Amino acid sequence: MIKKMLLAAIAAGLVSATTLPLQTAPAEAAVMAGMSCKDAAKAQYPDDRKTRHEFKKACKDAWKASQ
């Protein structure tokens, strides 16, 4: 009985994990959240200006490629 419940729980976990949407690009994350690339970069890296700039640039490039 416990073995069947454990297997059912594992199977349910695998099914739910494979159906979750994965965000592959920063542009997709920003669009899904309704944010601009600048706002997404500020939220992701509030203290590191250089990394924030690189994130914003990658986000914009990914957004342009998807258009």
PDB file of N, CA and C in Angstrom:
ATOM      1  N   MET A   1       0.820  -1.190   0.000  1.00  0.00           N
ATOM      2  CA  MET A   1       0.000   0.000   0.000  1.00  0.00           C
ATOM      3  C   MET A   1       0.867   1.258   0.000  1.00  0.00           C
ATOM      4  N   ILE A   2       1.833   1.303   0.905  1.00  0.00           N
ATOM      5  CA  ILE A   2       2.710   2.462   0.996  1.00  0.00           C
ATOM      6  C   ILE A   2       3.581   2.553  -0.259  1.00  0.00           C
ATOM      7  N   LYS A   3       3.992   1.421  -0.773  1.00  0.00           N
ATOM      8  CA  LYS A   3       4.813   1.407  -1.972  1.00  0.00           C
ATOM      9  C   LYS A   3       4.038   1.992  -3.161  1.00  0.00           C
ATOM     10  N   LYS A   4       2.765   1.657  -3.283  1.00  0.00           N
ATOM     11  CA  LYS A   4       1.933   2.174  -4.370  1.00  0.00           C
ATOM     12  C   LYS A   4       1.730   3.682  -4.230  1.00  0.00           C
ATOM     13  N   MET A   5       1.522   4.146  -3.006  1.00  0.00           N
ATOM     14  CA  MET A   5       1.340   5.577  -2.773  1.00  0.00           C
ATOM     15  C   MET A   5       2.620   6.346  -3.090  1.00  0.00           C
ATOM     16  N   LEU A   6       3.759   5.771  -2.715  1.00  0.00           N
ATOM     17  CA  LEU A   6       5.038   6.405  -2.994  1.00  0.00           C
ATOM     18  C   LEU A   6       5.287   6.487  -4.495  1.00  0.00           C
ATOM     19  N   LEU A   7       5.023   5.414  -5.221  1.00  0.00           N
ATOM     20  CA  LEU A   7       5.200   5.424  -6.670  1.00  0.00           C
ATOM     21  C   LEU A   7       4.242   6.405  -7.339  1.00  0.00           C
ATOM     22  N   ALA A   8       3.023   6.495  -6.853  1.00  0.00           N
ATOM     23  CA  ALA A   8       2.057   7.445  -7.410  1.00  0.00           C
ATOM     24  C   ALA A   8       2.502   8.887  -7.164  1.00  0.00           C
ATOM     25  N   ALA A   9       3.054   9.150  -5.994  1.00  0.00           N
ATOM     26  CA  ALA A   9       3.536  10.494  -5.680  1.00  0.00           C
ATOM     27  C   ALA A   9       4.727  10.866  -6.562  1.00  0.00           C
ATOM     28  N   ILE A  10       5.624   9.920  -6.789  1.00  0.00           N
ATOM     29  CA  ILE A  10       6.776  10.168  -7.648  1.00  0.00           C
ATOM     30  C   ILE A  10       6.318  10.420  -9.081  1.00  0.00           C
ATOM     31  N   ALA A  11       5.386   9.617  -9.557  1.00  0.00           N
ATOM     32  CA  ALA A  11       4.877   9.786 -10.922  1.00  0.00           C
ATOM     33  C   ALA A  11       4.180  11.141 -11.064  1.00  0.00           C
ATOM     34  N   ALA A  12       3.409  11.536 -10.092  1.00  0.00           N
ATOM     35  CA  ALA A  12       2.730  12.832 -10.144  1.00  0.00           C
ATOM     36  C   ALA A  12       3.746  13.976 -10.126  1.00  0.00           C
ATOM     37  N   GLY A  13       4.781  13.819  -9.358  1.00  0.00           N
ATOM     38  CA  GLY A  13       5.834  14.838  -9.313  1.00  0.00           C
ATOM     39  C   GLY A  13       6.559  14.969 -10.636  1.00  0.00           C
ATOM     40  N   LEU A  14       6.846  13.851 -11.271  1.00  0.00           N
ATOM     41  CA  LEU A  14       7.517  13.895 -12.570  1.00  0.00           C
ATOM     42  C   LEU A  14       6.633  14.536 -13.628  1.00  0.00           C
ATOM     43  N   VAL A  15       5.367  14.198 -13.622  1.00  0.00           N
ATOM     44  CA  VAL A  15       4.446  14.770 -14.605  1.00  0.00           C
ATOM     45  C   VAL A  15       4.316  16.276 -14.395  1.00  0.00           C
ATOM     46  N   SER A  16       4.182  16.703 -13.175  1.00  0.00           N
ATOM     47  CA  SER A  16       4.025  18.134 -12.917  1.00  0.00           C
ATOM     48  C   SER A  16       5.323  18.896 -13.202  1.00  0.00           C
ATOM     49  N   ALA A  17       6.459  18.275 -12.962  1.00  0.00           N
ATOM     50  CA  ALA A  17       7.736  18.942 -13.222  1.00  0.00           C
ATOM     51  C   ALA A  17       7.996  19.096 -14.716  1.00  0.00           C
ATOM     52  N   THR A  18       7.553  18.156 -15.515  1.00  0.00           N
ATOM     53  CA  THR A  18       7.805  18.245 -16.952  1.00  0.00           C
ATOM     54  C   THR A  18       6.832  19.178 -17.653  1.00  0.00           C
ATOM     55  N   THR A  19       5.711  19.495 -17.031  1.00  0.00           N
ATOM     56  CA  THR A  19       4.742  20.375 -17.674  1.00  0.00           C
ATOM     57  C   THR A  19       4.919  21.838 -17.283  1.00  0.00           C
ATOM     58  N   LEU A  20       5.835  22.141 -16.372  1.00  0.00           N
ATOM     59  CA  LEU A  20       6.064  23.525 -15.981  1.00  0.00           C
ATOM     60  C   LEU A  20       6.785  24.257 -17.106  1.00  0.00           C
ATOM     61  N   PRO A  21       6.396  25.497 -17.400  1.00  0.00           N
ATOM     62  CA  PRO A  21       7.087  26.241 -18.450  1.00  0.00           C
ATOM     63  C   PRO A  21       8.466  26.685 -17.962  1.00  0.00           C
ATOM     64  N   LEU A  22       9.451  26.545 -18.804  1.00  0.00           N
ATOM     65  CA  LEU A  22      10.800  26.970 -18.474  1.00  0.00           C
ATOM     66  C   LEU A  22      11.119  28.235 -19.244  1.00  0.00           C
ATOM     67  N   GLN A  23      11.715  29.195 -18.585  1.00  0.00           N
ATOM     68  CA  GLN A  23      12.092  30.439 -19.238  1.00  0.00           C
ATOM     69  C   GLN A  23      13.523  30.307 -19.725  1.00  0.00           C
ATOM     70  N   THR A  24      13.699  30.419 -21.024  1.00  0.00           N
ATOM     71  CA  THR A  24      15.021  30.194 -21.581  1.00  0.00           C
ATOM     72  C   THR A  24      15.771  31.473 -21.862  1.00  0.00           C
ATOM     73  N   ALA A  25      15.112  32.595 -21.935  1.00  0.00           N
ATOM     74  CA  ALA A  25      15.786  33.838 -22.259  1.00  0.00           C
ATOM     75  C   ALA A  25      15.315  34.944 -21.327  1.00  0.00           C
ATOM     76  N   PRO A  26      16.205  35.900 -21.049  1.00  0.00           N
ATOM     77  CA  PRO A  26      15.801  37.022 -20.209  1.00  0.00           C
ATOM     78  C   PRO A  26      14.637  37.814 -20.810  1.00  0.00           C
ATOM     79  N   ALA A  27      14.574  37.885 -22.138  1.00  0.00           N
ATOM     80  CA  ALA A  27      13.494  38.627 -22.780  1.00  0.00           C
ATOM     81  C   ALA A  27      12.148  37.971 -22.493  1.00  0.00           C
ATOM     82  N   GLU A  28      12.113  36.653 -22.509  1.00  0.00           N
ATOM     83  CA  GLU A  28      10.873  35.952 -22.211  1.00  0.00           C
ATOM     84  C   GLU A  28      10.452  36.192 -20.766  1.00  0.00           C
ATOM     85  N   ALA A  29      11.415  36.200 -19.870  1.00  0.00           N
ATOM     86  CA  ALA A  29      11.096  36.435 -18.459  1.00  0.00           C
ATOM     87  C   ALA A  29      10.536  37.835 -18.265  1.00  0.00           C
ATOM     88  N   ALA A  30      11.117  38.811 -18.936  1.00  0.00           N
ATOM     89  CA  ALA A  30      10.656  40.187 -18.793  1.00  0.00           C
ATOM     90  C   ALA A  30       9.273  40.360 -19.400  1.00  0.00           C
ATOM     91  N   VAL A  31       9.046  39.752 -20.554  1.00  0.00           N
ATOM     92  CA  VAL A  31       7.752  39.891 -21.205  1.00  0.00           C
ATOM     93  C   VAL A  31       6.672  39.199 -20.392  1.00  0.00           C
ATOM     94  N   MET A  32       6.976  38.028 -19.866  1.00  0.00           N
ATOM     95  CA  MET A  32       5.988  37.295 -19.087  1.00  0.00           C
ATOM     96  C   MET A  32       5.635  38.057 -17.812  1.00  0.00           C
ATOM     97  N   ALA A  33       6.570  38.768 -17.252  1.00  0.00           N
ATOM     98  CA  ALA A  33       6.310  39.513 -16.037  1.00  0.00           C
ATOM     99  C   ALA A  33       5.730  40.896 -16.330  1.00  0.00           C
ATOM    100  N   GLY A  34       5.683  41.285 -17.607  1.00  0.00           N
ATOM    101  CA  GLY A  34       5.170  42.594 -17.971  1.00  0.00           C
ATOM    102  C   GLY A  34       6.148  43.711 -17.652  1.00  0.00           C
ATOM    103  N   MET A  35       7.428  43.400 -17.677  1.00  0.00           N
ATOM    104  CA  MET A  35       8.456  44.375 -17.350  1.00  0.00           C
ATOM    105  C   MET A  35       9.287  44.675 -18.591  1.00  0.00           C
ATOM    106  N   SER A  36       9.919  45.821 -18.592  1.00  0.00           N
ATOM    107  CA  SER A  36      10.886  46.115 -19.640  1.00  0.00           C
ATOM    108  C   SER A  36      12.193  45.418 -19.273  1.00  0.00           C
ATOM    109  N   CYS A  37      13.097  45.345 -20.225  1.00  0.00           N
ATOM    110  CA  CYS A  37      14.391  44.713 -19.944  1.00  0.00           C
ATOM    111  C   CYS A  37      15.149  45.475 -18.852  1.00  0.00           C
ATOM    112  N   LYS A  38      14.996  46.795 -18.850  1.00  0.00           N
ATOM    113  CA  LYS A  38      15.669  47.620 -17.834  1.00  0.00           C
ATOM    114  C   LYS A  38      15.145  47.297 -16.440  1.00  0.00           C
ATOM    115  N   ASP A  39      13.825  47.194 -16.314  1.00  0.00           N
ATOM    116  CA  ASP A  39      13.233  46.883 -15.010  1.00  0.00           C
ATOM    117  C   ASP A  39      13.596  45.473 -14.557  1.00  0.00           C
ATOM    118  N   ALA A  40      13.613  44.528 -15.496  1.00  0.00           N
ATOM    119  CA  ALA A  40      13.984  43.155 -15.155  1.00  0.00           C
ATOM    120  C   ALA A  40      15.433  43.089 -14.693  1.00  0.00           C
ATOM    121  N   ALA A  41      16.305  43.847 -15.347  1.00  0.00           N
ATOM    122  CA  ALA A  41      17.713  43.871 -14.955  1.00  0.00           C
ATOM    123  C   ALA A  41      17.882  44.467 -13.558  1.00  0.00           C
ATOM    124  N   LYS A  42      17.135  45.527 -13.275  1.00  0.00           N
ATOM    125  CA  LYS A  42      17.215  46.140 -11.938  1.00  0.00           C
ATOM    126  C   LYS A  42      16.715  45.199 -10.856  1.00  0.00           C
ATOM    127  N   ALA A  43      15.679  44.429 -11.185  1.00  0.00           N
ATOM    128  CA  ALA A  43      15.145  43.491 -10.199  1.00  0.00           C
ATOM    129  C   ALA A  43      16.102  42.325  -9.978  1.00  0.00           C
ATOM    130  N   GLN A  44      16.762  41.889 -11.040  1.00  0.00           N
ATOM    131  CA  GLN A  44      17.664  40.735 -10.947  1.00  0.00           C
ATOM    132  C   GLN A  44      18.987  41.099 -10.269  1.00  0.00           C
ATOM    133  N   TYR A  45      19.550  42.255 -10.627  1.00  0.00           N
ATOM    134  CA  TYR A  45      20.857  42.683 -10.101  1.00  0.00           C
ATOM    135  C   TYR A  45      20.757  44.119  -9.572  1.00  0.00           C
ATOM    136  N   PRO A  46      20.230  44.317  -8.384  1.00  0.00           N
ATOM    137  CA  PRO A  46      20.034  45.682  -7.884  1.00  0.00           C
ATOM    138  C   PRO A  46      21.332  46.419  -7.522  1.00  0.00           C
ATOM    139  N   ASP A  47      22.404  45.690  -7.219  1.00  0.00           N
ATOM    140  CA  ASP A  47      23.619  46.347  -6.747  1.00  0.00           C
ATOM    141  C   ASP A  47      24.771  46.352  -7.738  1.00  0.00           C
ATOM    142  N   ASP A  48      24.733  45.504  -8.752  1.00  0.00           N
ATOM    143  CA  ASP A  48      25.860  45.352  -9.670  1.00  0.00           C
ATOM    144  C   ASP A  48      25.535  45.994 -11.015  1.00  0.00           C
ATOM    145  N   ARG A  49      26.073  47.187 -11.247  1.00  0.00           N
ATOM    146  CA  ARG A  49      25.744  47.954 -12.445  1.00  0.00           C
ATOM    147  C   ARG A  49      26.254  47.293 -13.727  1.00  0.00           C
ATOM    148  N   LYS A  50      27.439  46.732 -13.688  1.00  0.00           N
ATOM    149  CA  LYS A  50      28.022  46.117 -14.881  1.00  0.00           C
ATOM    150  C   LYS A  50      27.240  44.866 -15.301  1.00  0.00           C
ATOM    151  N   THR A  51      26.912  44.029 -14.360  1.00  0.00           N
ATOM    152  CA  THR A  51      26.137  42.824 -14.662  1.00  0.00           C
ATOM    153  C   THR A  51      24.734  43.193 -15.107  1.00  0.00           C
ATOM    154  N   ARG A  52      24.179  44.233 -14.515  1.00  0.00           N
ATOM    155  CA  ARG A  52      22.846  44.695 -14.900  1.00  0.00           C
ATOM    156  C   ARG A  52      22.836  45.169 -16.354  1.00  0.00           C
ATOM    157  N   HIS A  53      23.895  45.855 -16.764  1.00  0.00           N
ATOM    158  CA  HIS A  53      24.002  46.317 -18.147  1.00  0.00           C
ATOM    159  C   HIS A  53      24.098  45.138 -19.114  1.00  0.00           C
ATOM    160  N   GLU A  54      24.903  44.133 -18.764  1.00  0.00           N
ATOM    161  CA  GLU A  54      25.042  42.947 -19.610  1.00  0.00           C
ATOM    162  C   GLU A  54      23.714  42.186 -19.714  1.00  0.00           C
ATOM    163  N   PHE A  55      22.992  42.083 -18.599  1.00  0.00           N
ATOM    164  CA  PHE A  55      21.693  41.414 -18.598  1.00  0.00           C
ATOM    165  C   PHE A  55      20.709  42.159 -19.499  1.00  0.00           C
ATOM    166  N   LYS A  56      20.676  43.480 -19.386  1.00  0.00           N
ATOM    167  CA  LYS A  56      19.771  44.291 -20.194  1.00  0.00           C
ATOM    168  C   LYS A  56      20.086  44.129 -21.673  1.00  0.00           C
ATOM    169  N   LYS A  57      21.370  44.116 -22.008  1.00  0.00           N
ATOM    170  CA  LYS A  57      21.785  43.965 -23.408  1.00  0.00           C
ATOM    171  C   LYS A  57      21.376  42.594 -23.943  1.00  0.00           C
ATOM    172  N   ALA A  58      21.594  41.543 -23.173  1.00  0.00           N
ATOM    173  CA  ALA A  58      21.208  40.194 -23.587  1.00  0.00           C
ATOM    174  C   ALA A  58      19.698  40.080 -23.725  1.00  0.00           C
ATOM    175  N   CYS A  59      18.969  40.716 -22.829  1.00  0.00           N
ATOM    176  CA  CYS A  59      17.512  40.707 -22.877  1.00  0.00           C
ATOM    177  C   CYS A  59      17.017  41.387 -24.150  1.00  0.00           C
ATOM    178  N   LYS A  60      17.571  42.545 -24.465  1.00  0.00           N
ATOM    179  CA  LYS A  60      17.163  43.264 -25.674  1.00  0.00           C
ATOM    180  C   LYS A  60      17.494  42.462 -26.932  1.00  0.00           C
ATOM    181  N   ASP A  61      18.679  41.863 -26.971  1.00  0.00           N
ATOM    182  CA  ASP A  61      19.065  41.055 -28.133  1.00  0.00           C
ATOM    183  C   ASP A  61      18.134  39.858 -28.308  1.00  0.00           C
ATOM    184  N   ALA A  62      17.790  39.214 -27.210  1.00  0.00           N
ATOM    185  CA  ALA A  62      16.889  38.068 -27.284  1.00  0.00           C
ATOM    186  C   ALA A  62      15.497  38.495 -27.717  1.00  0.00           C
ATOM    187  N   TRP A  63      15.058  39.665 -27.241  1.00  0.00           N
ATOM    188  CA  TRP A  63      13.743  40.162 -27.636  1.00  0.00           C
ATOM    189  C   TRP A  63      13.709  40.494 -29.122  1.00  0.00           C
ATOM    190  N   LYS A  64      14.778  41.150 -29.617  1.00  0.00           N
ATOM    191  CA  LYS A  64      14.839  41.473 -31.040  1.00  0.00           C
ATOM    192  C   LYS A  64      14.889  40.228 -31.901  1.00  0.00           C
ATOM    193  N   ALA A  65      15.590  39.210 -31.438  1.00  0.00           N
ATOM    194  CA  ALA A  65      15.671  37.952 -32.206  1.00  0.00           C
ATOM    195  C   ALA A  65      14.323  37.239 -32.265  1.00  0.00           C
ATOM    196  N   SER A  66      13.522  37.413 -31.231  1.00  0.00           N
ATOM    197  CA  SER A  66      12.228  36.725 -31.204  1.00  0.00           C
ATOM    198  C   SER A  66      11.170  37.450 -32.024  1.00  0.00           C
ATOM    199  N   GLN A  67      11.423  38.681 -32.407  1.00  0.00           N
ATOM    200  CA  GLN A  67      10.437  39.452 -33.165  1.00  0.00           C
ATOM    201  C   GLN A  67      10.456  39.144 -34.626  1.00  0.00           C
TER     202      GLN A  67
END
